[in-house]
Amino acid sequence: MRLSIYLDIDPPTATAQEQKTTVRGGVPRKYDPPKVKEAKKILEDALAEYRPDAPLDGPIALYVEWRFPTGRSHSDGEWRITRPDLDNLQKGLRDCLTRLGFWVDDSRVCVELAKKTWSAIPGVYIEIEEIGGGPK
């Protein structure tokens, strides 16, 4: 099975890395500040319509292109070398895909390729593919 998804959104820049910690009853607890909650909501709302009928349960390849709006100082296709960090963007996206039931758990992702660029047409392009067998 292969899912190809294009989210027609300005990619959110708040990431899971910005989690906060509080202590209640002597027990530390992590929580998402409002900006991170909003970023996750934007992604989940855009992804919801693409949810598969059943979660994928085998090995998965995940390909993602984060396309941020160019503005005045960047050109279309230029690499985005500023924050947010790509690994933090990916972690937040994988968490959203897990919560929405795209796969049983994000531990199923065995192959991952991601990039972030400036783009005249912003959005997030995602491909999720079940892959069989093992590495050769």
N, C-alpha and C. Protein backbone atom coordinates (compact mmCIF):
# COMPACT_ATOMS: atom_id res chain seq x y z
N MET A 1 0.85 -1.18 0.00
CA MET A 1 0.00 0.00 0.00
C MET A 1 0.89 1.24 0.00
N ARG A 2 0.47 2.24 -0.75
CA ARG A 2 1.20 3.51 -0.79
C ARG A 2 0.19 4.65 -0.69
N LEU A 3 0.48 5.58 0.23
CA LEU A 3 -0.35 6.78 0.38
C LEU A 3 0.48 7.98 -0.07
N SER A 4 -0.07 8.78 -0.96
CA SER A 4 0.56 10.04 -1.36
C SER A 4 -0.34 11.17 -0.89
N ILE A 5 0.22 12.06 -0.09
CA ILE A 5 -0.57 13.11 0.56
C ILE A 5 0.09 14.46 0.32
N TYR A 6 -0.70 15.44 -0.08
CA TYR A 6 -0.20 16.81 -0.15
C TYR A 6 -1.05 17.67 0.76
N LEU A 7 -0.42 18.26 1.77
CA LEU A 7 -1.12 19.16 2.69
C LEU A 7 -0.92 20.59 2.21
N ASP A 8 -1.98 21.22 1.80
CA ASP A 8 -1.93 22.59 1.28
C ASP A 8 -1.99 23.57 2.45
N ILE A 9 -0.88 23.62 3.21
CA ILE A 9 -0.79 24.47 4.40
C ILE A 9 0.59 25.11 4.43
N ASP A 10 0.71 26.20 5.18
CA ASP A 10 2.03 26.71 5.52
C ASP A 10 2.52 25.80 6.65
N PRO A 11 3.64 25.10 6.45
CA PRO A 11 4.08 24.17 7.49
C PRO A 11 4.29 24.88 8.82
N PRO A 12 3.79 24.29 9.90
CA PRO A 12 4.00 24.91 11.22
C PRO A 12 5.47 24.85 11.60
N THR A 13 5.92 25.84 12.37
CA THR A 13 7.33 25.89 12.77
C THR A 13 7.55 25.53 14.23
N ALA A 14 6.50 25.41 15.02
CA ALA A 14 6.64 24.95 16.40
C ALA A 14 6.79 23.43 16.37
N THR A 15 7.70 22.89 17.19
CA THR A 15 7.97 21.46 17.15
C THR A 15 7.90 20.83 18.53
N ALA A 16 7.89 19.49 18.54
CA ALA A 16 7.84 18.73 19.79
C ALA A 16 9.04 19.03 20.68
N GLN A 17 10.13 19.51 20.11
CA GLN A 17 11.32 19.85 20.88
C GLN A 17 11.02 20.94 21.91
N GLU A 18 9.96 21.70 21.70
CA GLU A 18 9.62 22.81 22.57
C GLU A 18 8.75 22.39 23.75
N GLN A 19 8.63 21.07 24.00
CA GLN A 19 7.84 20.61 25.14
C GLN A 19 8.37 21.21 26.43
N LYS A 20 7.47 21.39 27.37
CA LYS A 20 7.82 21.92 28.68
C LYS A 20 7.62 20.82 29.73
N THR A 21 8.22 21.02 30.89
CA THR A 21 8.08 20.07 31.99
C THR A 21 7.58 20.79 33.22
N THR A 22 6.65 20.17 33.91
CA THR A 22 6.16 20.68 35.18
C THR A 22 6.26 19.55 36.20
N VAL A 23 6.23 19.89 37.45
CA VAL A 23 6.27 18.88 38.51
C VAL A 23 4.99 18.98 39.31
N ARG A 24 4.27 17.86 39.40
CA ARG A 24 3.03 17.79 40.19
C ARG A 24 3.13 16.60 41.12
N GLY A 25 3.00 16.86 42.39
CA GLY A 25 3.10 15.80 43.38
C GLY A 25 4.46 15.12 43.36
N GLY A 26 5.48 15.89 43.02
CA GLY A 26 6.83 15.35 42.97
C GLY A 26 7.15 14.56 41.71
N VAL A 27 6.19 14.50 40.78
CA VAL A 27 6.39 13.73 39.55
C VAL A 27 6.51 14.69 38.36
N PRO A 28 7.65 14.63 37.63
CA PRO A 28 7.78 15.48 36.46
C PRO A 28 6.83 15.02 35.34
N ARG A 29 6.18 15.97 34.69
CA ARG A 29 5.27 15.67 33.59
C ARG A 29 5.57 16.62 32.43
N LYS A 30 5.60 16.05 31.22
CA LYS A 30 5.83 16.86 30.03
C LYS A 30 4.49 17.32 29.47
N TYR A 31 4.50 18.51 28.90
CA TYR A 31 3.29 19.01 28.25
C TYR A 31 3.69 19.90 27.08
N ASP A 32 2.74 20.04 26.14
CA ASP A 32 2.96 20.89 24.98
C ASP A 32 2.47 22.30 25.28
N PRO A 33 3.33 23.31 25.05
CA PRO A 33 2.84 24.69 25.18
C PRO A 33 1.85 25.00 24.06
N PRO A 34 1.09 26.09 24.18
CA PRO A 34 0.05 26.40 23.19
C PRO A 34 0.51 26.40 21.73
N LYS A 35 1.69 26.92 21.43
CA LYS A 35 2.16 26.96 20.03
C LYS A 35 2.36 25.56 19.47
N VAL A 36 2.86 24.64 20.29
CA VAL A 36 3.06 23.27 19.84
C VAL A 36 1.72 22.57 19.67
N LYS A 37 0.78 22.79 20.59
CA LYS A 37 -0.56 22.22 20.46
C LYS A 37 -1.21 22.68 19.16
N GLU A 38 -1.08 23.97 18.85
CA GLU A 38 -1.66 24.52 17.62
C GLU A 38 -1.01 23.91 16.39
N ALA A 39 0.31 23.75 16.40
CA ALA A 39 1.02 23.14 15.27
C ALA A 39 0.53 21.72 15.03
N LYS A 40 0.40 20.94 16.10
CA LYS A 40 -0.09 19.57 15.97
C LYS A 40 -1.52 19.53 15.46
N LYS A 41 -2.35 20.48 15.92
CA LYS A 41 -3.74 20.54 15.47
C LYS A 41 -3.81 20.85 13.97
N ILE A 42 -2.98 21.77 13.51
CA ILE A 42 -2.95 22.10 12.07
C ILE A 42 -2.61 20.86 11.26
N LEU A 43 -1.58 20.13 11.67
CA LEU A 43 -1.18 18.92 10.95
C LEU A 43 -2.27 17.86 11.02
N GLU A 44 -2.81 17.61 12.20
CA GLU A 44 -3.82 16.57 12.34
C GLU A 44 -5.10 16.90 11.57
N ASP A 45 -5.52 18.15 11.60
CA ASP A 45 -6.72 18.54 10.84
C ASP A 45 -6.50 18.32 9.34
N ALA A 46 -5.31 18.66 8.84
CA ALA A 46 -5.02 18.50 7.42
C ALA A 46 -4.86 17.02 7.04
N LEU A 47 -4.36 16.20 7.95
CA LEU A 47 -4.12 14.78 7.67
C LEU A 47 -5.36 13.91 7.81
N ALA A 48 -6.32 14.33 8.59
CA ALA A 48 -7.46 13.48 8.97
C ALA A 48 -8.17 12.85 7.78
N GLU A 49 -8.35 13.58 6.71
CA GLU A 49 -9.10 13.04 5.56
C GLU A 49 -8.35 11.93 4.82
N TYR A 50 -7.06 11.78 5.07
CA TYR A 50 -6.24 10.78 4.38
C TYR A 50 -6.04 9.51 5.21
N ARG A 51 -6.62 9.47 6.39
CA ARG A 51 -6.45 8.35 7.30
C ARG A 51 -6.86 7.04 6.62
N PRO A 52 -6.01 6.01 6.69
CA PRO A 52 -6.39 4.72 6.09
C PRO A 52 -7.46 4.01 6.90
N ASP A 53 -8.11 3.04 6.28
CA ASP A 53 -9.17 2.28 6.97
C ASP A 53 -8.62 1.50 8.15
N ALA A 54 -7.40 0.99 8.01
CA ALA A 54 -6.77 0.24 9.10
C ALA A 54 -5.31 0.68 9.19
N PRO A 55 -4.75 0.73 10.39
CA PRO A 55 -3.36 1.15 10.54
C PRO A 55 -2.40 0.16 9.87
N LEU A 56 -1.36 0.70 9.25
CA LEU A 56 -0.32 -0.14 8.65
C LEU A 56 0.47 -0.80 9.78
N ASP A 57 0.84 -2.08 9.58
CA ASP A 57 1.46 -2.82 10.67
C ASP A 57 2.81 -3.43 10.32
N GLY A 58 3.24 -3.33 9.09
CA GLY A 58 4.53 -3.88 8.69
C GLY A 58 5.59 -2.79 8.60
N PRO A 59 6.73 -3.11 7.99
CA PRO A 59 7.77 -2.09 7.80
C PRO A 59 7.28 -1.00 6.84
N ILE A 60 7.65 0.24 7.13
CA ILE A 60 7.15 1.40 6.39
C ILE A 60 8.30 2.30 5.96
N ALA A 61 8.17 2.85 4.76
CA ALA A 61 9.05 3.91 4.29
C ALA A 61 8.27 5.22 4.34
N LEU A 62 8.90 6.27 4.84
CA LEU A 62 8.26 7.59 4.98
C LEU A 62 9.12 8.61 4.24
N TYR A 63 8.52 9.30 3.28
CA TYR A 63 9.19 10.36 2.52
C TYR A 63 8.43 11.66 2.74
N VAL A 64 9.13 12.72 3.12
CA VAL A 64 8.46 13.99 3.43
C VAL A 64 9.24 15.16 2.84
N GLU A 65 8.51 16.09 2.23
CA GLU A 65 9.08 17.36 1.79
C GLU A 65 8.35 18.48 2.54
N TRP A 66 9.10 19.23 3.32
CA TRP A 66 8.57 20.40 4.02
C TRP A 66 8.86 21.60 3.13
N ARG A 67 7.83 22.25 2.62
CA ARG A 67 7.98 23.39 1.70
C ARG A 67 7.46 24.65 2.38
N PHE A 68 8.40 25.50 2.80
CA PHE A 68 8.06 26.72 3.52
C PHE A 68 7.92 27.89 2.55
N PRO A 69 6.99 28.84 2.82
CA PRO A 69 6.77 29.96 1.90
C PRO A 69 8.03 30.82 1.74
N THR A 70 8.31 31.21 0.50
CA THR A 70 9.56 31.89 0.18
C THR A 70 9.71 33.28 0.78
N GLY A 71 8.70 34.10 0.76
CA GLY A 71 8.85 35.47 1.24
C GLY A 71 9.76 36.27 0.31
N ARG A 72 10.40 37.32 0.84
CA ARG A 72 11.22 38.20 0.00
C ARG A 72 12.69 37.79 -0.07
N SER A 73 13.18 37.09 0.94
CA SER A 73 14.63 36.86 1.00
C SER A 73 15.07 35.46 0.57
N HIS A 74 14.15 34.62 0.11
CA HIS A 74 14.52 33.27 -0.31
C HIS A 74 13.86 32.95 -1.64
N SER A 75 14.51 32.11 -2.42
CA SER A 75 13.96 31.76 -3.73
C SER A 75 13.42 30.33 -3.72
N ASP A 76 12.54 30.06 -4.66
CA ASP A 76 11.89 28.77 -4.80
C ASP A 76 12.93 27.66 -4.96
N GLY A 77 12.82 26.62 -4.15
CA GLY A 77 13.72 25.48 -4.24
C GLY A 77 14.99 25.60 -3.42
N GLU A 78 15.23 26.76 -2.82
CA GLU A 78 16.42 26.95 -2.00
C GLU A 78 16.28 26.13 -0.72
N TRP A 79 17.38 25.51 -0.26
CA TRP A 79 17.36 24.76 0.99
C TRP A 79 17.04 25.68 2.15
N ARG A 80 16.22 25.23 3.07
CA ARG A 80 15.96 26.00 4.29
C ARG A 80 16.95 25.52 5.35
N ILE A 81 17.90 26.36 5.69
CA ILE A 81 18.95 25.96 6.63
C ILE A 81 18.76 26.62 8.00
N THR A 82 17.58 27.14 8.23
CA THR A 82 17.24 27.76 9.52
C THR A 82 16.28 26.85 10.28
N ARG A 83 16.03 27.22 11.53
CA ARG A 83 15.08 26.47 12.34
C ARG A 83 13.70 26.52 11.73
N PRO A 84 12.87 25.56 11.97
CA PRO A 84 13.04 24.45 12.89
C PRO A 84 13.91 23.35 12.29
N ASP A 85 14.53 22.57 13.18
CA ASP A 85 15.35 21.45 12.75
C ASP A 85 14.48 20.39 12.10
N LEU A 86 15.01 19.79 11.06
CA LEU A 86 14.27 18.78 10.31
C LEU A 86 13.86 17.59 11.18
N ASP A 87 14.74 17.13 12.05
CA ASP A 87 14.39 15.96 12.88
C ASP A 87 13.25 16.28 13.84
N ASN A 88 13.16 17.51 14.30
CA ASN A 88 12.06 17.90 15.19
C ASN A 88 10.74 18.00 14.43
N LEU A 89 10.78 18.50 13.19
CA LEU A 89 9.59 18.53 12.35
C LEU A 89 9.08 17.10 12.13
N GLN A 90 10.01 16.21 11.80
CA GLN A 90 9.65 14.83 11.52
C GLN A 90 9.05 14.14 12.74
N LYS A 91 9.62 14.38 13.91
CA LYS A 91 9.11 13.76 15.14
C LYS A 91 7.66 14.18 15.38
N GLY A 92 7.38 15.47 15.24
CA GLY A 92 6.01 15.94 15.42
C GLY A 92 5.05 15.33 14.41
N LEU A 93 5.49 15.23 13.16
CA LEU A 93 4.65 14.64 12.12
C LEU A 93 4.40 13.16 12.41
N ARG A 94 5.45 12.41 12.77
CA ARG A 94 5.27 10.99 13.09
C ARG A 94 4.31 10.81 14.26
N ASP A 95 4.40 11.67 15.27
CA ASP A 95 3.48 11.60 16.40
C ASP A 95 2.03 11.81 15.94
N CYS A 96 1.81 12.77 15.06
CA CYS A 96 0.46 13.03 14.55
C CYS A 96 -0.05 11.84 13.73
N LEU A 97 0.81 11.28 12.88
CA LEU A 97 0.41 10.13 12.07
C LEU A 97 0.07 8.93 12.95
N THR A 98 0.80 8.77 14.04
CA THR A 98 0.51 7.68 14.98
C THR A 98 -0.83 7.91 15.66
N ARG A 99 -1.05 9.12 16.17
CA ARG A 99 -2.31 9.43 16.86
C ARG A 99 -3.52 9.23 15.95
N LEU A 100 -3.36 9.54 14.67
CA LEU A 100 -4.47 9.42 13.73
C LEU A 100 -4.66 8.00 13.20
N GLY A 101 -3.77 7.08 13.54
CA GLY A 101 -3.94 5.69 13.14
C GLY A 101 -3.44 5.35 11.75
N PHE A 102 -2.46 6.09 11.24
CA PHE A 102 -1.88 5.74 9.94
C PHE A 102 -1.09 4.44 10.03
N TRP A 103 -0.48 4.21 11.18
CA TRP A 103 0.26 2.98 11.44
C TRP A 103 0.08 2.60 12.90
N VAL A 104 0.46 1.38 13.22
CA VAL A 104 0.32 0.87 14.58
C VAL A 104 1.20 1.69 15.53
N ASP A 105 2.43 1.95 15.11
CA ASP A 105 3.37 2.72 15.92
C ASP A 105 4.46 3.25 14.99
N ASP A 106 5.03 4.41 15.33
CA ASP A 106 6.05 4.96 14.44
C ASP A 106 7.35 4.17 14.47
N SER A 107 7.45 3.16 15.34
CA SER A 107 8.60 2.26 15.29
C SER A 107 8.60 1.45 14.00
N ARG A 108 7.46 1.38 13.31
CA ARG A 108 7.35 0.66 12.03
C ARG A 108 8.08 1.37 10.90
N VAL A 109 8.44 2.64 11.09
CA VAL A 109 9.16 3.39 10.05
C VAL A 109 10.61 2.90 10.01
N CYS A 110 10.96 2.22 8.93
CA CYS A 110 12.30 1.63 8.77
C CYS A 110 13.15 2.42 7.78
N VAL A 111 12.50 3.17 6.90
CA VAL A 111 13.19 4.01 5.92
C VAL A 111 12.56 5.39 6.01
N GLU A 112 13.41 6.41 6.10
CA GLU A 112 12.89 7.77 6.19
C GLU A 112 13.78 8.71 5.38
N LEU A 113 13.15 9.50 4.53
CA LEU A 113 13.85 10.51 3.76
C LEU A 113 13.05 11.79 3.88
N ALA A 114 13.70 12.87 4.28
CA ALA A 114 12.99 14.14 4.47
C ALA A 114 13.87 15.29 4.01
N LYS A 115 13.22 16.35 3.56
CA LYS A 115 13.95 17.56 3.20
C LYS A 115 13.08 18.77 3.50
N LYS A 116 13.75 19.92 3.68
CA LYS A 116 13.01 21.17 3.88
C LYS A 116 13.61 22.22 2.96
N THR A 117 12.70 22.90 2.27
CA THR A 117 13.09 23.92 1.31
C THR A 117 12.17 25.12 1.43
N TRP A 118 12.58 26.21 0.79
CA TRP A 118 11.71 27.35 0.58
C TRP A 118 10.97 27.08 -0.72
N SER A 119 9.71 27.47 -0.81
CA SER A 119 8.92 27.14 -1.99
C SER A 119 7.90 28.23 -2.31
N ALA A 120 7.72 28.48 -3.60
CA ALA A 120 6.68 29.40 -4.04
C ALA A 120 5.29 28.82 -3.77
N ILE A 121 5.23 27.50 -3.70
CA ILE A 121 3.97 26.82 -3.37
C ILE A 121 4.21 26.03 -2.10
N PRO A 122 3.93 26.63 -0.92
CA PRO A 122 4.21 25.96 0.34
C PRO A 122 3.28 24.78 0.60
N GLY A 123 3.72 23.90 1.47
CA GLY A 123 2.91 22.75 1.86
C GLY A 123 3.79 21.65 2.39
N VAL A 124 3.17 20.52 2.65
CA VAL A 124 3.90 19.34 3.11
C VAL A 124 3.49 18.18 2.22
N TYR A 125 4.48 17.57 1.56
CA TYR A 125 4.23 16.42 0.71
C TYR A 125 4.70 15.17 1.46
N ILE A 126 3.83 14.18 1.57
CA ILE A 126 4.12 12.98 2.36
C ILE A 126 3.81 11.74 1.53
N GLU A 127 4.72 10.80 1.54
CA GLU A 127 4.46 9.47 0.98
C GLU A 127 4.72 8.46 2.07
N ILE A 128 3.77 7.56 2.26
CA ILE A 128 3.89 6.47 3.22
C ILE A 128 3.72 5.19 2.42
N GLU A 129 4.72 4.31 2.53
CA GLU A 129 4.69 3.09 1.73
C GLU A 129 5.02 1.89 2.58
N GLU A 130 4.19 0.86 2.49
CA GLU A 130 4.52 -0.42 3.12
C GLU A 130 5.63 -1.04 2.28
N ILE A 131 6.67 -1.50 2.95
CA ILE A 131 7.77 -2.14 2.25
C ILE A 131 7.91 -3.56 2.76
N GLY A 132 8.17 -4.48 1.89
CA GLY A 132 8.28 -5.87 2.30
C GLY A 132 9.71 -6.31 2.45
N GLY A 133 9.86 -7.51 2.99
CA GLY A 133 11.18 -8.09 3.12
C GLY A 133 12.10 -7.30 4.01
N GLY A 134 13.36 -7.53 3.89
CA GLY A 134 14.36 -6.82 4.69
C GLY A 134 15.39 -6.16 3.80
N PRO A 135 16.33 -5.47 4.42
CA PRO A 135 17.36 -4.81 3.62
C PRO A 135 18.22 -5.84 2.90
N LYS A 136 18.69 -5.53 1.74
CA LYS A 136 19.53 -6.43 0.95
C LYS A 136 20.96 -5.94 0.97
